[in-house]
């Protein structure tokens, strides 16, 4: 319902902007793909609270948007319910074409540590929530925001939120050696 309301609001805002804009008689009916991409980036920037640039991975942001609101279910791996590691695994599979581990601790073994200040779009963020071991994982989006399957479902939160700030453990970036290994496996299958 929330997505439908947002889409309707976006539709009417685009219509009002077009009504206020003078259109020259020589304008063709064909929409410029760059303009559509720009509108999509503006829309997702507002929804997710992340400034999308020309270098942003739109596939990443579309994937996250499609999953927002999916309920949390421990051990789940579908739109009916998903947990944090399954969400991360599915995202990496669909967006980055990488098959990663299914458990947050195992995923952590596949990354090189990254300081919080050096995180980039697509990096992973790990948390030790009420545990001495890694118990939660999310995907960094930029602007200190990350996507994850929380107890409230798939959502976007800030690393600056008191709760996540308290339990944040470390950021991580997929190891180059692991990426190369995956590419070799994919090439040998073809």
N, C-alpha and C. Protein backbone atom coordinates (compact mmCIF):
# COMPACT_ATOMS: atom_id res chain seq x y z
N UNK A 1 0.83 -1.19 0.00
CA UNK A 1 0.00 0.00 0.00
C UNK A 1 0.87 1.25 0.00
N UNK A 2 1.96 1.21 0.79
CA UNK A 2 2.85 2.35 0.89
C UNK A 2 3.48 2.64 -0.47
N UNK A 3 3.89 1.56 -1.18
CA UNK A 3 4.52 1.73 -2.49
C UNK A 3 3.54 2.32 -3.50
N UNK A 4 2.28 1.87 -3.45
CA UNK A 4 1.26 2.38 -4.37
C UNK A 4 1.04 3.86 -4.13
N UNK A 5 0.95 4.26 -2.87
CA UNK A 5 0.77 5.67 -2.53
C UNK A 5 1.94 6.51 -3.02
N UNK A 6 3.14 5.99 -2.85
CA UNK A 6 4.34 6.72 -3.29
C UNK A 6 4.35 6.85 -4.80
N UNK A 7 4.01 5.77 -5.50
CA UNK A 7 3.99 5.81 -6.96
C UNK A 7 2.95 6.81 -7.46
N UNK A 8 1.79 6.82 -6.84
CA UNK A 8 0.74 7.77 -7.24
C UNK A 8 1.20 9.21 -6.99
N UNK A 9 1.82 9.44 -5.83
CA UNK A 9 2.32 10.79 -5.52
C UNK A 9 3.38 11.21 -6.53
N UNK A 10 4.28 10.28 -6.86
CA UNK A 10 5.32 10.58 -7.86
C UNK A 10 4.69 10.90 -9.20
N UNK A 11 3.69 10.12 -9.61
CA UNK A 11 3.02 10.33 -10.89
C UNK A 11 2.41 11.73 -10.96
N UNK A 12 1.70 12.13 -9.90
CA UNK A 12 1.08 13.45 -9.91
C UNK A 12 2.11 14.57 -9.84
N UNK A 13 3.21 14.35 -9.15
CA UNK A 13 4.24 15.40 -9.10
C UNK A 13 4.89 15.56 -10.47
N UNK A 14 5.10 14.46 -11.19
CA UNK A 14 5.67 14.54 -12.54
C UNK A 14 4.69 15.26 -13.46
N UNK A 15 3.40 14.94 -13.34
CA UNK A 15 2.40 15.61 -14.17
C UNK A 15 2.36 17.11 -13.89
N UNK A 16 2.45 17.49 -12.64
CA UNK A 16 2.40 18.92 -12.31
C UNK A 16 3.64 19.64 -12.83
N UNK A 17 4.79 18.99 -12.78
CA UNK A 17 6.01 19.60 -13.31
C UNK A 17 5.89 19.77 -14.82
N UNK A 18 5.36 18.76 -15.48
CA UNK A 18 5.19 18.85 -16.94
C UNK A 18 4.18 19.94 -17.30
N UNK A 19 3.14 20.09 -16.51
CA UNK A 19 2.14 21.11 -16.79
C UNK A 19 2.72 22.51 -16.63
N UNK A 20 3.69 22.66 -15.72
CA UNK A 20 4.29 23.96 -15.49
C UNK A 20 5.41 24.26 -16.47
N UNK A 21 5.90 23.25 -17.17
CA UNK A 21 7.01 23.40 -18.09
C UNK A 21 6.48 23.69 -19.49
N UNK A 22 7.03 24.72 -20.11
CA UNK A 22 6.62 25.05 -21.48
C UNK A 22 7.27 24.04 -22.42
N UNK A 23 6.46 23.36 -23.22
CA UNK A 23 6.96 22.38 -24.17
C UNK A 23 6.97 23.01 -25.55
N UNK A 24 8.13 22.97 -26.20
CA UNK A 24 8.24 23.56 -27.54
C UNK A 24 7.53 22.66 -28.55
N UNK A 25 6.97 23.23 -29.62
CA UNK A 25 6.23 22.45 -30.59
C UNK A 25 7.09 21.41 -31.32
N UNK A 26 8.42 21.57 -31.34
CA UNK A 26 9.28 20.65 -32.05
C UNK A 26 9.67 19.43 -31.20
N UNK A 27 9.22 19.38 -29.96
CA UNK A 27 9.57 18.26 -29.09
C UNK A 27 8.88 17.00 -29.58
N UNK A 28 9.65 15.92 -29.70
CA UNK A 28 9.06 14.66 -30.17
C UNK A 28 8.40 13.95 -29.01
N UNK A 29 7.57 12.97 -29.31
CA UNK A 29 6.87 12.20 -28.29
C UNK A 29 7.79 11.17 -27.63
N UNK A 30 8.96 10.93 -28.21
CA UNK A 30 9.88 9.94 -27.67
C UNK A 30 10.59 10.53 -26.44
N UNK A 31 10.51 9.81 -25.33
CA UNK A 31 11.15 10.27 -24.10
C UNK A 31 12.63 9.95 -24.15
N UNK A 32 13.43 10.87 -23.64
CA UNK A 32 14.87 10.69 -23.58
C UNK A 32 15.20 9.71 -22.46
N UNK A 33 15.90 8.61 -22.75
CA UNK A 33 16.23 7.64 -21.70
C UNK A 33 17.03 8.25 -20.55
N UNK A 34 17.88 9.24 -20.87
CA UNK A 34 18.65 9.90 -19.81
C UNK A 34 17.73 10.64 -18.85
N UNK A 35 16.65 11.25 -19.38
CA UNK A 35 15.69 11.93 -18.53
C UNK A 35 14.96 10.94 -17.63
N UNK A 36 14.59 9.79 -18.19
CA UNK A 36 13.91 8.77 -17.40
C UNK A 36 14.83 8.24 -16.30
N UNK A 37 16.09 8.04 -16.64
CA UNK A 37 17.07 7.57 -15.65
C UNK A 37 17.22 8.62 -14.55
N UNK A 38 17.25 9.88 -14.94
CA UNK A 38 17.38 10.96 -13.97
C UNK A 38 16.17 11.02 -13.03
N UNK A 39 14.97 10.84 -13.60
CA UNK A 39 13.76 10.82 -12.77
C UNK A 39 13.81 9.64 -11.80
N UNK A 40 14.23 8.49 -12.28
CA UNK A 40 14.33 7.32 -11.41
C UNK A 40 15.31 7.57 -10.28
N UNK A 41 16.45 8.18 -10.61
CA UNK A 41 17.44 8.47 -9.57
C UNK A 41 16.90 9.46 -8.55
N UNK A 42 16.21 10.49 -9.03
CA UNK A 42 15.63 11.47 -8.10
C UNK A 42 14.62 10.80 -7.17
N UNK A 43 13.79 9.96 -7.74
CA UNK A 43 12.76 9.27 -6.97
C UNK A 43 13.38 8.36 -5.92
N UNK A 44 14.33 7.52 -6.34
CA UNK A 44 14.96 6.60 -5.40
C UNK A 44 15.79 7.35 -4.37
N UNK A 45 16.40 8.48 -4.75
CA UNK A 45 17.15 9.30 -3.80
C UNK A 45 16.24 9.76 -2.67
N UNK A 46 15.04 10.21 -3.04
CA UNK A 46 14.10 10.70 -2.02
C UNK A 46 13.60 9.57 -1.14
N UNK A 47 13.27 8.44 -1.75
CA UNK A 47 12.72 7.32 -0.99
C UNK A 47 13.76 6.74 -0.04
N UNK A 48 14.98 6.58 -0.53
CA UNK A 48 16.00 5.89 0.26
C UNK A 48 16.89 6.81 1.08
N UNK A 49 16.79 8.11 0.85
CA UNK A 49 17.61 9.04 1.61
C UNK A 49 19.08 8.99 1.24
N UNK A 50 19.37 8.59 0.01
CA UNK A 50 20.74 8.47 -0.47
C UNK A 50 20.85 9.26 -1.77
N UNK A 51 21.87 10.10 -1.86
CA UNK A 51 22.07 10.87 -3.08
C UNK A 51 22.67 9.95 -4.15
N UNK A 52 21.92 9.72 -5.21
CA UNK A 52 22.40 8.87 -6.29
C UNK A 52 23.12 9.72 -7.32
N UNK A 53 24.29 9.26 -7.72
CA UNK A 53 25.09 10.00 -8.69
C UNK A 53 25.10 9.26 -10.02
N UNK A 54 25.80 9.83 -10.98
CA UNK A 54 25.91 9.21 -12.29
C UNK A 54 26.60 7.85 -12.19
N UNK A 55 27.39 7.65 -11.15
CA UNK A 55 28.11 6.38 -11.00
C UNK A 55 27.35 5.37 -10.14
N UNK A 56 26.20 5.74 -9.63
CA UNK A 56 25.45 4.84 -8.76
C UNK A 56 24.98 3.61 -9.53
N UNK A 57 24.98 2.49 -8.85
CA UNK A 57 24.53 1.23 -9.40
C UNK A 57 23.01 1.18 -9.28
N UNK A 58 22.33 1.55 -10.34
CA UNK A 58 20.87 1.61 -10.30
C UNK A 58 20.25 0.24 -10.09
N UNK A 59 20.90 -0.79 -10.54
CA UNK A 59 20.40 -2.15 -10.34
C UNK A 59 20.32 -2.46 -8.84
N UNK A 60 21.31 -2.00 -8.09
CA UNK A 60 21.33 -2.17 -6.64
C UNK A 60 20.12 -1.48 -6.01
N UNK A 61 19.89 -0.24 -6.38
CA UNK A 61 18.81 0.54 -5.76
C UNK A 61 17.44 0.03 -6.17
N UNK A 62 17.29 -0.42 -7.41
CA UNK A 62 16.01 -1.00 -7.84
C UNK A 62 15.75 -2.31 -7.08
N UNK A 63 16.79 -3.11 -6.91
CA UNK A 63 16.64 -4.36 -6.17
C UNK A 63 16.16 -4.07 -4.75
N UNK A 64 16.82 -3.16 -4.07
CA UNK A 64 16.45 -2.83 -2.69
C UNK A 64 15.01 -2.32 -2.64
N UNK A 65 14.68 -1.42 -3.56
CA UNK A 65 13.32 -0.87 -3.59
C UNK A 65 12.27 -1.98 -3.74
N UNK A 66 12.54 -2.93 -4.61
CA UNK A 66 11.60 -4.03 -4.84
C UNK A 66 11.37 -4.89 -3.60
N UNK A 67 12.36 -4.96 -2.72
CA UNK A 67 12.25 -5.82 -1.54
C UNK A 67 11.80 -5.08 -0.28
N UNK A 68 11.80 -3.73 -0.30
CA UNK A 68 11.41 -2.99 0.90
C UNK A 68 10.03 -3.42 1.37
N UNK A 69 9.93 -3.68 2.66
CA UNK A 69 8.66 -4.09 3.24
C UNK A 69 8.45 -5.60 3.30
N UNK A 70 9.32 -6.37 2.65
CA UNK A 70 9.21 -7.83 2.73
C UNK A 70 9.38 -8.23 4.19
N UNK A 71 8.48 -9.05 4.71
CA UNK A 71 8.56 -9.40 6.13
C UNK A 71 9.82 -10.20 6.47
N UNK A 72 10.23 -10.10 7.72
CA UNK A 72 11.37 -10.87 8.21
C UNK A 72 10.89 -12.26 8.59
N UNK A 73 11.67 -13.26 8.21
CA UNK A 73 11.43 -14.63 8.66
C UNK A 73 12.78 -15.33 8.78
N UNK A 74 13.12 -15.76 9.98
CA UNK A 74 14.38 -16.45 10.19
C UNK A 74 14.42 -17.69 9.30
N UNK A 75 15.49 -17.81 8.51
CA UNK A 75 15.63 -18.95 7.60
C UNK A 75 14.89 -18.76 6.29
N UNK A 76 14.12 -17.67 6.18
CA UNK A 76 13.36 -17.41 4.95
C UNK A 76 14.24 -16.90 3.84
N UNK A 77 13.79 -17.13 2.61
CA UNK A 77 14.58 -16.68 1.46
C UNK A 77 13.70 -16.29 0.28
N UNK A 78 12.49 -15.79 0.58
CA UNK A 78 11.59 -15.39 -0.51
C UNK A 78 10.86 -14.11 -0.11
N UNK A 79 10.03 -13.62 -1.02
CA UNK A 79 9.24 -12.42 -0.75
C UNK A 79 8.19 -12.66 0.34
N UNK A 80 7.95 -13.92 0.68
CA UNK A 80 7.03 -14.23 1.77
C UNK A 80 7.67 -14.00 3.14
N UNK A 81 9.00 -13.96 3.16
CA UNK A 81 9.75 -13.74 4.39
C UNK A 81 11.21 -14.08 4.15
N UNK A 82 12.09 -13.21 4.65
CA UNK A 82 13.52 -13.37 4.39
C UNK A 82 14.32 -12.90 5.59
N UNK A 83 15.48 -13.50 5.80
CA UNK A 83 16.35 -13.03 6.87
C UNK A 83 17.52 -12.25 6.26
N UNK A 84 18.36 -11.69 7.13
CA UNK A 84 19.40 -10.76 6.67
C UNK A 84 20.40 -11.39 5.72
N UNK A 85 20.85 -12.60 6.03
CA UNK A 85 21.87 -13.21 5.18
C UNK A 85 21.28 -13.68 3.85
N UNK A 86 20.05 -14.15 3.85
CA UNK A 86 19.41 -14.54 2.59
C UNK A 86 19.18 -13.31 1.71
N UNK A 87 18.79 -12.19 2.32
CA UNK A 87 18.60 -10.96 1.56
C UNK A 87 19.92 -10.53 0.93
N UNK A 88 20.99 -10.59 1.71
CA UNK A 88 22.32 -10.21 1.20
C UNK A 88 22.76 -11.15 0.09
N UNK A 89 22.55 -12.44 0.29
CA UNK A 89 22.91 -13.45 -0.72
C UNK A 89 22.14 -13.21 -2.01
N UNK A 90 20.85 -12.96 -1.90
CA UNK A 90 20.01 -12.72 -3.09
C UNK A 90 20.43 -11.45 -3.80
N UNK A 91 20.71 -10.40 -3.04
CA UNK A 91 21.14 -9.14 -3.64
C UNK A 91 22.45 -9.34 -4.40
N UNK A 92 23.42 -9.98 -3.77
CA UNK A 92 24.71 -10.19 -4.44
C UNK A 92 24.56 -11.06 -5.68
N UNK A 93 23.65 -12.01 -5.63
CA UNK A 93 23.41 -12.87 -6.79
C UNK A 93 22.79 -12.07 -7.94
N UNK A 94 21.75 -11.31 -7.64
CA UNK A 94 21.01 -10.59 -8.67
C UNK A 94 21.71 -9.33 -9.17
N UNK A 95 22.36 -8.61 -8.28
CA UNK A 95 22.96 -7.32 -8.64
C UNK A 95 24.41 -7.46 -9.11
N UNK A 96 25.18 -8.27 -8.39
CA UNK A 96 26.61 -8.38 -8.69
C UNK A 96 27.00 -9.71 -9.34
N UNK A 97 25.99 -10.57 -9.56
CA UNK A 97 26.22 -11.86 -10.21
C UNK A 97 27.27 -12.68 -9.45
N UNK A 98 27.16 -12.66 -8.12
CA UNK A 98 28.10 -13.39 -7.26
C UNK A 98 27.31 -14.30 -6.32
N UNK A 99 27.78 -15.52 -6.17
CA UNK A 99 27.17 -16.47 -5.25
C UNK A 99 27.98 -16.44 -3.96
N UNK A 100 27.39 -15.87 -2.92
CA UNK A 100 28.09 -15.77 -1.64
C UNK A 100 27.47 -16.72 -0.63
N UNK A 101 28.10 -16.83 0.52
CA UNK A 101 27.64 -17.73 1.57
C UNK A 101 26.27 -17.31 2.10
N UNK A 102 25.64 -18.18 2.89
CA UNK A 102 24.28 -17.95 3.36
C UNK A 102 24.21 -17.43 4.80
N UNK A 103 25.31 -17.50 5.54
CA UNK A 103 25.33 -17.12 6.94
C UNK A 103 26.17 -15.85 7.11
N UNK A 104 25.74 -14.92 7.96
CA UNK A 104 26.45 -13.65 8.11
C UNK A 104 27.90 -13.84 8.54
N UNK A 105 28.18 -14.80 9.40
CA UNK A 105 29.58 -15.04 9.81
C UNK A 105 30.40 -15.59 8.65
N UNK A 106 29.80 -16.47 7.86
CA UNK A 106 30.49 -17.01 6.69
C UNK A 106 30.71 -15.93 5.64
N UNK A 107 29.75 -15.05 5.49
CA UNK A 107 29.90 -13.94 4.54
C UNK A 107 31.07 -13.05 4.98
N UNK A 108 31.18 -12.83 6.29
CA UNK A 108 32.27 -11.99 6.81
C UNK A 108 33.63 -12.59 6.44
N UNK A 109 33.73 -13.90 6.38
CA UNK A 109 35.00 -14.54 6.03
C UNK A 109 35.38 -14.30 4.57
N UNK A 110 34.45 -13.78 3.77
CA UNK A 110 34.69 -13.56 2.35
C UNK A 110 35.09 -12.12 2.03
N UNK A 111 35.18 -11.28 3.05
CA UNK A 111 35.43 -9.85 2.80
C UNK A 111 36.75 -9.40 3.41
N UNK A 112 37.24 -8.29 2.90
CA UNK A 112 38.36 -7.62 3.56
C UNK A 112 37.75 -6.48 4.37
N UNK A 113 38.23 -6.26 5.60
CA UNK A 113 37.67 -5.22 6.45
C UNK A 113 37.79 -3.82 5.83
N UNK A 114 36.79 -3.00 6.06
CA UNK A 114 36.76 -1.63 5.57
C UNK A 114 36.33 -0.74 6.72
N UNK A 115 37.04 0.36 6.93
CA UNK A 115 36.64 1.32 7.95
C UNK A 115 35.28 1.91 7.60
N UNK A 116 34.56 2.26 8.62
CA UNK A 116 33.23 2.84 8.44
C UNK A 116 33.27 4.06 7.51
N UNK A 117 34.31 4.88 7.65
CA UNK A 117 34.43 6.09 6.83
C UNK A 117 34.80 5.80 5.38
N UNK A 118 35.26 4.59 5.09
CA UNK A 118 35.68 4.23 3.74
C UNK A 118 34.68 3.35 3.00
N UNK A 119 33.50 3.13 3.59
CA UNK A 119 32.49 2.28 2.96
C UNK A 119 32.04 2.88 1.63
N UNK A 120 31.81 2.00 0.66
CA UNK A 120 31.30 2.39 -0.65
C UNK A 120 30.02 1.63 -0.93
N UNK A 121 29.24 2.18 -1.83
CA UNK A 121 28.00 1.55 -2.27
C UNK A 121 28.24 0.08 -2.62
N UNK A 122 27.44 -0.81 -2.03
CA UNK A 122 27.58 -2.24 -2.29
C UNK A 122 28.44 -2.98 -1.29
N UNK A 123 29.18 -2.25 -0.44
CA UNK A 123 29.96 -2.91 0.60
C UNK A 123 28.99 -3.51 1.62
N UNK A 124 29.51 -4.36 2.47
CA UNK A 124 28.69 -5.01 3.49
C UNK A 124 28.97 -4.40 4.86
N UNK A 125 27.95 -4.39 5.70
CA UNK A 125 28.09 -3.90 7.07
C UNK A 125 27.67 -5.03 8.01
N UNK A 126 28.47 -5.26 9.03
CA UNK A 126 28.26 -6.38 9.94
C UNK A 126 28.02 -5.86 11.36
N UNK A 127 27.17 -6.59 12.07
CA UNK A 127 26.78 -6.19 13.43
C UNK A 127 26.89 -7.39 14.36
N UNK A 128 27.20 -7.08 15.62
CA UNK A 128 27.16 -8.07 16.69
C UNK A 128 26.04 -7.62 17.63
N UNK A 129 24.84 -8.09 17.35
CA UNK A 129 23.66 -7.66 18.11
C UNK A 129 23.41 -8.68 19.23
N UNK A 130 23.56 -8.22 20.47
CA UNK A 130 23.37 -9.06 21.65
C UNK A 130 24.17 -10.36 21.55
N UNK A 131 25.37 -10.28 21.00
CA UNK A 131 26.18 -11.47 20.80
C UNK A 131 27.65 -11.09 20.70
N UNK A 132 28.51 -12.04 20.97
CA UNK A 132 29.94 -11.81 20.77
C UNK A 132 30.34 -12.15 19.34
N UNK A 133 29.43 -12.77 18.63
CA UNK A 133 29.68 -13.17 17.25
C UNK A 133 28.86 -12.31 16.30
N UNK A 134 29.29 -12.27 15.06
CA UNK A 134 28.54 -11.53 14.05
C UNK A 134 27.16 -12.18 13.93
N UNK A 135 26.13 -11.35 14.01
CA UNK A 135 24.77 -11.88 13.98
C UNK A 135 23.87 -11.19 12.96
N UNK A 136 24.40 -10.18 12.27
CA UNK A 136 23.56 -9.44 11.34
C UNK A 136 24.43 -8.84 10.24
N UNK A 137 23.86 -8.77 9.03
CA UNK A 137 24.57 -8.20 7.88
C UNK A 137 23.61 -7.35 7.07
N UNK A 138 24.15 -6.29 6.46
CA UNK A 138 23.38 -5.43 5.57
C UNK A 138 24.26 -4.95 4.43
N UNK A 139 23.67 -4.23 3.50
CA UNK A 139 24.38 -3.72 2.32
C UNK A 139 24.42 -2.20 2.39
N UNK A 140 25.62 -1.65 2.30
CA UNK A 140 25.81 -0.20 2.39
C UNK A 140 25.33 0.46 1.09
N UNK A 141 24.58 1.57 1.24
CA UNK A 141 24.03 2.29 0.09
C UNK A 141 24.67 3.65 -0.13
N UNK A 142 25.32 4.18 0.88
CA UNK A 142 25.88 5.53 0.81
C UNK A 142 25.23 6.41 1.86
N UNK A 143 25.84 7.56 2.14
CA UNK A 143 25.27 8.52 3.08
C UNK A 143 24.97 7.88 4.44
N UNK A 144 25.81 6.92 4.85
CA UNK A 144 25.64 6.17 6.11
C UNK A 144 24.36 5.37 6.19
N UNK A 145 23.75 5.06 5.05
CA UNK A 145 22.51 4.30 5.01
C UNK A 145 22.80 2.89 4.48
N UNK A 146 22.04 1.94 4.99
CA UNK A 146 22.22 0.56 4.55
C UNK A 146 20.87 -0.14 4.48
N UNK A 147 20.79 -1.14 3.61
CA UNK A 147 19.58 -1.95 3.44
C UNK A 147 19.82 -3.28 4.12
N UNK A 148 18.78 -3.82 4.72
CA UNK A 148 18.91 -5.10 5.42
C UNK A 148 17.53 -5.66 5.72
N UNK A 149 17.50 -6.94 6.05
CA UNK A 149 16.27 -7.56 6.50
C UNK A 149 16.30 -7.52 8.03
N UNK A 150 15.58 -6.57 8.58
CA UNK A 150 15.55 -6.40 10.04
C UNK A 150 14.35 -7.15 10.60
N UNK A 151 14.21 -7.13 11.90
CA UNK A 151 13.06 -7.79 12.53
C UNK A 151 11.74 -7.17 12.08
N UNK A 152 11.80 -5.99 11.52
CA UNK A 152 10.60 -5.32 11.00
C UNK A 152 10.45 -5.51 9.50
N UNK A 153 11.30 -6.33 8.91
CA UNK A 153 11.25 -6.58 7.47
C UNK A 153 12.38 -5.85 6.76
N UNK A 154 12.41 -5.98 5.44
CA UNK A 154 13.46 -5.33 4.67
C UNK A 154 13.26 -3.83 4.77
N UNK A 155 14.34 -3.14 5.15
CA UNK A 155 14.26 -1.71 5.41
C UNK A 155 15.60 -1.05 5.12
N UNK A 156 15.58 0.27 5.16
CA UNK A 156 16.80 1.06 5.04
C UNK A 156 16.94 1.83 6.34
N UNK A 157 18.11 1.73 6.93
CA UNK A 157 18.38 2.45 8.17
C UNK A 157 19.71 3.16 8.07
N UNK A 158 19.99 3.96 9.08
CA UNK A 158 21.24 4.71 9.12
C UNK A 158 22.19 4.06 10.13
N UNK A 159 23.46 4.04 9.76
CA UNK A 159 24.48 3.57 10.70
C UNK A 159 24.60 4.52 11.88
N UNK A 160 24.05 5.73 11.75
CA UNK A 160 24.08 6.72 12.83
C UNK A 160 22.94 6.54 13.82
N UNK A 161 21.94 5.70 13.49
CA UNK A 161 20.88 5.41 14.46
C UNK A 161 21.53 4.81 15.70
N UNK A 162 21.09 5.22 16.87
CA UNK A 162 21.71 4.79 18.13
C UNK A 162 21.82 3.27 18.22
N UNK A 163 20.79 2.57 17.83
CA UNK A 163 20.78 1.10 17.91
C UNK A 163 21.87 0.50 17.05
N UNK A 164 21.94 0.90 15.78
CA UNK A 164 22.91 0.31 14.86
C UNK A 164 24.33 0.80 15.15
N UNK A 165 24.43 2.02 15.63
CA UNK A 165 25.74 2.55 16.02
C UNK A 165 26.32 1.72 17.18
N UNK A 166 25.45 1.35 18.11
CA UNK A 166 25.88 0.58 19.28
C UNK A 166 26.39 -0.81 18.90
N UNK A 167 25.74 -1.47 17.92
CA UNK A 167 26.07 -2.85 17.59
C UNK A 167 26.92 -3.01 16.33
N UNK A 168 27.23 -1.91 15.67
CA UNK A 168 28.05 -2.00 14.45
C UNK A 168 29.40 -2.64 14.79
N UNK A 169 29.79 -3.61 13.97
CA UNK A 169 31.07 -4.28 14.18
C UNK A 169 32.11 -3.81 13.17
N UNK A 170 31.82 -4.00 11.90
CA UNK A 170 32.80 -3.66 10.88
C UNK A 170 32.16 -3.66 9.50
N UNK A 171 32.78 -2.90 8.60
CA UNK A 171 32.39 -2.94 7.20
C UNK A 171 33.27 -3.93 6.47
N UNK A 172 32.81 -4.37 5.31
CA UNK A 172 33.61 -5.31 4.54
C UNK A 172 33.36 -5.17 3.05
N UNK A 173 34.40 -5.47 2.29
CA UNK A 173 34.33 -5.42 0.83
C UNK A 173 34.76 -6.79 0.32
N UNK A 174 34.05 -7.30 -0.65
CA UNK A 174 34.38 -8.61 -1.20
C UNK A 174 35.85 -8.67 -1.59
N UNK A 175 36.52 -9.71 -1.17
CA UNK A 175 37.93 -9.90 -1.49
C UNK A 175 38.12 -10.07 -2.99
N UNK A 176 39.12 -9.41 -3.54
CA UNK A 176 39.40 -9.53 -4.97
C UNK A 176 39.68 -10.98 -5.34
N UNK A 177 40.40 -11.70 -4.48
CA UNK A 177 40.72 -13.10 -4.78
C UNK A 177 39.44 -13.93 -4.87
N UNK A 178 38.45 -13.61 -4.02
CA UNK A 178 37.19 -14.34 -4.07
C UNK A 178 36.43 -14.02 -5.35
N UNK A 179 36.42 -12.74 -5.73
CA UNK A 179 35.76 -12.34 -6.98
C UNK A 179 36.36 -13.07 -8.17
N UNK A 180 37.69 -13.12 -8.20
CA UNK A 180 38.38 -13.79 -9.31
C UNK A 180 38.05 -15.29 -9.33
N UNK A 181 37.98 -15.89 -8.15
CA UNK A 181 37.64 -17.31 -8.06
C UNK A 181 36.24 -17.57 -8.60
N UNK A 182 35.30 -16.70 -8.25
CA UNK A 182 33.94 -16.84 -8.75
C UNK A 182 33.88 -16.69 -10.27
N UNK A 183 34.63 -15.73 -10.79
CA UNK A 183 34.65 -15.53 -12.24
C UNK A 183 35.22 -16.76 -12.95
N UNK A 184 36.26 -17.37 -12.37
CA UNK A 184 36.83 -18.59 -12.96
C UNK A 184 35.80 -19.71 -12.97
N UNK A 185 35.07 -19.86 -11.86
CA UNK A 185 34.03 -20.89 -11.78
C UNK A 185 32.97 -20.66 -12.85
N UNK A 186 32.53 -19.39 -13.01
CA UNK A 186 31.52 -19.07 -14.00
C UNK A 186 32.02 -19.37 -15.41
N UNK A 187 33.29 -19.02 -15.69
CA UNK A 187 33.86 -19.26 -17.02
C UNK A 187 33.99 -20.76 -17.30
N UNK A 188 34.32 -21.56 -16.29
CA UNK A 188 34.47 -22.99 -16.50
C UNK A 188 33.10 -23.67 -16.74
N UNK A 189 32.04 -23.08 -16.24
CA UNK A 189 30.69 -23.62 -16.46
C UNK A 189 30.23 -23.35 -17.89
N UNK A 190 30.74 -22.29 -18.49
CA UNK A 190 30.30 -21.92 -19.84
C UNK A 190 31.00 -22.66 -20.87
